[in-house]
N, C-alpha and C. Protein backbone atom coordinates (compact mmCIF):
# COMPACT_ATOMS: atom_id res chain seq x y z
N LEU A 1 156.79 114.80 33.08
CA LEU A 1 156.38 114.77 31.86
C LEU A 1 156.10 116.24 31.42
N ARG A 2 156.17 116.46 30.18
CA ARG A 2 156.24 117.67 29.76
C ARG A 2 154.79 118.07 28.95
N PRO A 3 154.29 119.34 29.21
CA PRO A 3 152.83 119.54 28.62
C PRO A 3 152.94 119.73 27.30
N VAL A 4 151.89 119.12 26.59
CA VAL A 4 151.93 119.25 25.14
C VAL A 4 150.53 119.85 24.89
N LYS A 5 150.36 121.29 24.24
CA LYS A 5 149.31 122.06 24.07
C LYS A 5 148.41 121.88 25.25
N GLY A 6 149.21 122.24 26.44
CA GLY A 6 148.38 122.13 27.73
C GLY A 6 147.55 123.44 27.78
N VAL A 7 146.55 123.25 28.82
CA VAL A 7 145.51 124.55 29.08
C VAL A 7 145.90 124.93 30.65
N LEU A 8 146.14 126.01 30.98
CA LEU A 8 146.21 126.31 32.39
C LEU A 8 144.86 127.15 32.77
N VAL A 9 144.35 126.45 34.07
CA VAL A 9 143.27 127.03 34.60
C VAL A 9 143.36 127.47 35.91
N ASP A 10 143.13 128.77 36.05
CA ASP A 10 143.32 129.51 37.36
C ASP A 10 142.14 129.92 37.98
N ALA A 11 141.68 129.47 39.06
CA ALA A 11 140.22 129.63 39.67
C ALA A 11 140.45 129.80 40.96
N ASP A 12 139.53 130.50 41.56
CA ASP A 12 139.25 130.58 43.13
C ASP A 12 137.99 130.40 43.39
N PHE A 13 137.70 129.62 44.35
CA PHE A 13 136.42 129.02 44.83
C PHE A 13 135.98 129.51 46.30
N GLY A 14 135.03 129.58 46.57
CA GLY A 14 134.62 130.09 47.84
C GLY A 14 134.72 131.36 48.45
N TYR A 15 134.19 131.65 49.41
CA TYR A 15 133.96 132.91 50.02
C TYR A 15 134.76 133.35 51.12
N GLY A 16 135.42 132.20 51.87
CA GLY A 16 136.36 132.50 53.06
C GLY A 16 136.24 131.25 53.94
N ALA A 17 136.94 131.19 54.93
CA ALA A 17 137.16 129.88 55.80
C ALA A 17 136.16 129.31 56.28
N ASP A 18 134.98 129.76 56.37
CA ASP A 18 133.73 129.04 57.24
C ASP A 18 132.34 129.79 56.44
N SER A 19 131.26 129.24 56.86
CA SER A 19 130.04 129.70 56.44
C SER A 19 129.44 131.04 56.42
N THR A 20 130.20 131.78 57.66
CA THR A 20 129.81 132.90 57.93
C THR A 20 130.25 134.02 56.77
N PHE A 21 131.15 133.64 55.93
CA PHE A 21 131.56 134.42 54.90
C PHE A 21 130.67 134.39 53.56
N VAL A 22 129.59 133.42 53.46
CA VAL A 22 128.78 133.30 52.31
C VAL A 22 127.84 134.35 52.54
N PRO A 23 127.66 135.19 51.39
CA PRO A 23 126.51 136.12 51.19
C PRO A 23 125.24 135.71 51.43
N ASP A 24 124.41 136.53 52.14
CA ASP A 24 123.17 136.27 52.41
C ASP A 24 122.32 135.93 51.29
N GLY A 25 122.57 136.59 49.90
CA GLY A 25 121.65 136.10 48.84
C GLY A 25 121.83 134.55 48.52
N ILE A 26 123.07 134.21 48.79
CA ILE A 26 123.38 132.79 48.64
C ILE A 26 122.78 131.82 49.56
N ARG A 27 123.07 132.35 50.63
CA ARG A 27 122.49 131.64 51.79
C ARG A 27 120.73 131.18 51.64
N GLN A 28 120.20 132.47 51.40
CA GLN A 28 118.61 132.67 51.20
C GLN A 28 118.25 131.70 50.00
N ALA A 29 118.92 131.66 48.88
CA ALA A 29 118.76 130.96 47.88
C ALA A 29 118.67 129.40 48.27
N LEU A 30 119.79 129.04 48.69
CA LEU A 30 119.91 127.66 49.23
C LEU A 30 118.91 127.09 50.13
N LEU A 31 118.21 128.02 51.23
CA LEU A 31 117.48 127.84 51.97
C LEU A 31 116.00 127.46 51.26
N LEU A 32 115.86 128.36 50.12
CA LEU A 32 114.56 128.14 49.20
C LEU A 32 114.75 126.94 48.67
N CYS A 33 115.76 126.24 48.18
CA CYS A 33 116.06 124.88 47.34
C CYS A 33 115.81 123.98 48.23
N VAL A 34 116.41 124.11 49.44
CA VAL A 34 116.28 122.87 50.42
C VAL A 34 114.75 122.77 50.84
N ALA A 35 114.05 123.75 51.28
CA ALA A 35 112.75 123.83 51.39
C ALA A 35 111.90 123.18 50.23
N LYS A 36 112.30 123.46 49.02
CA LYS A 36 111.37 123.01 47.90
C LYS A 36 111.79 121.32 47.87
N LEU A 37 112.81 120.98 48.00
CA LEU A 37 113.22 119.57 48.12
C LEU A 37 112.39 118.83 49.06
N TYR A 38 112.66 119.61 50.39
CA TYR A 38 111.97 119.03 51.65
C TYR A 38 110.25 118.89 51.46
N GLU A 39 109.77 119.87 50.83
CA GLU A 39 108.33 119.80 50.71
C GLU A 39 107.79 118.64 49.53
N ASN A 40 108.69 118.30 48.91
CA ASN A 40 108.43 117.57 47.75
C ASN A 40 109.08 116.15 47.92
N ARG A 41 109.36 115.58 49.06
CA ARG A 41 110.16 114.50 49.43
C ARG A 41 109.41 113.25 49.12
N GLY A 42 109.65 112.37 48.40
CA GLY A 42 108.60 111.00 48.10
C GLY A 42 107.73 111.37 47.17
N ASP A 43 108.00 112.42 46.35
CA ASP A 43 106.95 112.34 45.43
C ASP A 43 107.32 111.60 44.11
N ASP A 44 108.42 110.85 44.07
CA ASP A 44 108.75 110.14 43.05
C ASP A 44 108.01 108.80 43.05
N GLU A 45 106.87 108.78 42.34
CA GLU A 45 106.23 107.43 42.51
C GLU A 45 106.61 105.90 41.98
N GLY A 46 107.63 106.10 41.06
CA GLY A 46 107.90 104.96 40.51
C GLY A 46 109.26 104.13 41.44
N GLY A 47 109.73 105.04 42.36
CA GLY A 47 110.76 104.33 43.09
C GLY A 47 112.11 104.35 42.49
N GLU A 48 111.98 104.65 41.14
CA GLU A 48 113.31 104.90 40.45
C GLU A 48 113.24 106.38 39.82
N PHE A 49 114.47 106.78 39.47
CA PHE A 49 114.75 108.21 38.94
C PHE A 49 114.08 108.23 37.73
N SER A 50 112.99 109.27 37.65
CA SER A 50 112.23 109.54 36.21
C SER A 50 112.57 110.78 35.89
N ARG A 51 112.23 111.38 34.63
CA ARG A 51 112.23 112.69 34.20
C ARG A 51 111.33 113.67 35.17
N SER A 52 110.26 113.04 35.46
CA SER A 52 109.52 114.07 36.39
C SER A 52 110.07 114.49 37.80
N SER A 53 111.08 113.60 38.32
CA SER A 53 111.53 113.90 39.41
C SER A 53 113.03 114.91 39.42
N VAL A 54 113.17 115.53 38.14
CA VAL A 54 114.32 116.34 38.13
C VAL A 54 113.94 117.68 38.75
N PHE A 55 114.99 117.97 39.84
CA PHE A 55 114.93 119.24 40.47
C PHE A 55 115.01 120.40 39.59
N THR A 56 114.18 121.46 39.73
CA THR A 56 114.04 122.73 38.97
C THR A 56 114.20 123.78 40.14
N MET A 57 115.29 124.64 39.98
CA MET A 57 115.34 125.70 41.08
C MET A 57 114.22 126.65 41.07
N PRO A 58 113.64 127.05 42.23
CA PRO A 58 112.82 128.05 42.33
C PRO A 58 113.00 129.42 41.64
N PRO A 59 112.31 129.97 41.07
CA PRO A 59 112.68 131.18 40.14
C PRO A 59 113.17 132.40 41.16
N THR A 60 112.84 132.29 42.51
CA THR A 60 113.17 133.43 43.40
C THR A 60 114.67 132.78 43.67
N ALA A 61 114.88 131.67 43.91
CA ALA A 61 116.41 131.35 44.39
C ALA A 61 117.25 131.74 43.13
N ALA A 62 116.66 131.40 41.73
CA ALA A 62 117.53 131.87 40.60
C ALA A 62 117.81 133.36 40.49
N MET A 63 116.78 134.21 41.05
CA MET A 63 116.69 135.77 40.95
C MET A 63 117.87 136.25 42.08
N LEU A 64 117.97 135.43 43.19
CA LEU A 64 118.79 135.92 44.10
C LEU A 64 120.25 135.46 43.82
N LEU A 65 120.42 134.45 42.94
CA LEU A 65 121.84 134.05 42.94
C LEU A 65 122.27 134.89 41.53
N GLU A 66 121.60 135.60 40.69
CA GLU A 66 122.03 136.07 39.38
C GLU A 66 123.22 137.09 39.75
N PRO A 67 123.28 137.81 40.67
CA PRO A 67 124.30 138.84 40.93
C PRO A 67 125.64 138.05 41.16
N PHE A 68 125.59 136.85 41.35
CA PHE A 68 126.83 136.14 42.00
C PHE A 68 127.37 135.46 40.63
N LYS A 69 126.93 135.46 39.73
CA LYS A 69 127.27 134.73 38.40
C LYS A 69 128.48 136.01 37.77
N HIS A 70 129.50 135.13 37.56
CA HIS A 70 130.86 135.95 37.23
C HIS A 70 131.36 135.15 36.20
N PHE A 71 131.39 135.27 34.79
CA PHE A 71 132.33 134.45 33.89
C PHE A 71 133.23 135.59 33.37
N LYS A 72 134.51 135.09 33.29
CA LYS A 72 135.52 135.96 32.69
C LYS A 72 136.39 134.81 31.76
N VAL A 73 136.43 135.09 30.36
CA VAL A 73 137.39 134.15 29.62
C VAL A 73 138.41 135.15 29.06
N GLY A 74 139.61 134.49 29.05
CA GLY A 74 140.67 135.19 28.44
C GLY A 74 141.71 135.49 29.58
N ARG A 75 142.72 136.31 28.96
CA ARG A 75 143.95 136.51 30.20
C ARG A 75 143.77 137.58 30.78
């Protein structure tokens, strides 16, 4: 098939072959998020997904992840 008004997306994901390449800031943010989820497990009273059970990232985790946000649009 021939592309018609196609879009080419070139993306790189990840930090390396295994988890040892992941930067410490990302690791720490992940641990904070997992700890929050663990501390609040079973808090959904209705047994069904409700608006109150939506996960919000801890502010410290968001701060740790900020330096790793890279958005580049264009050629």
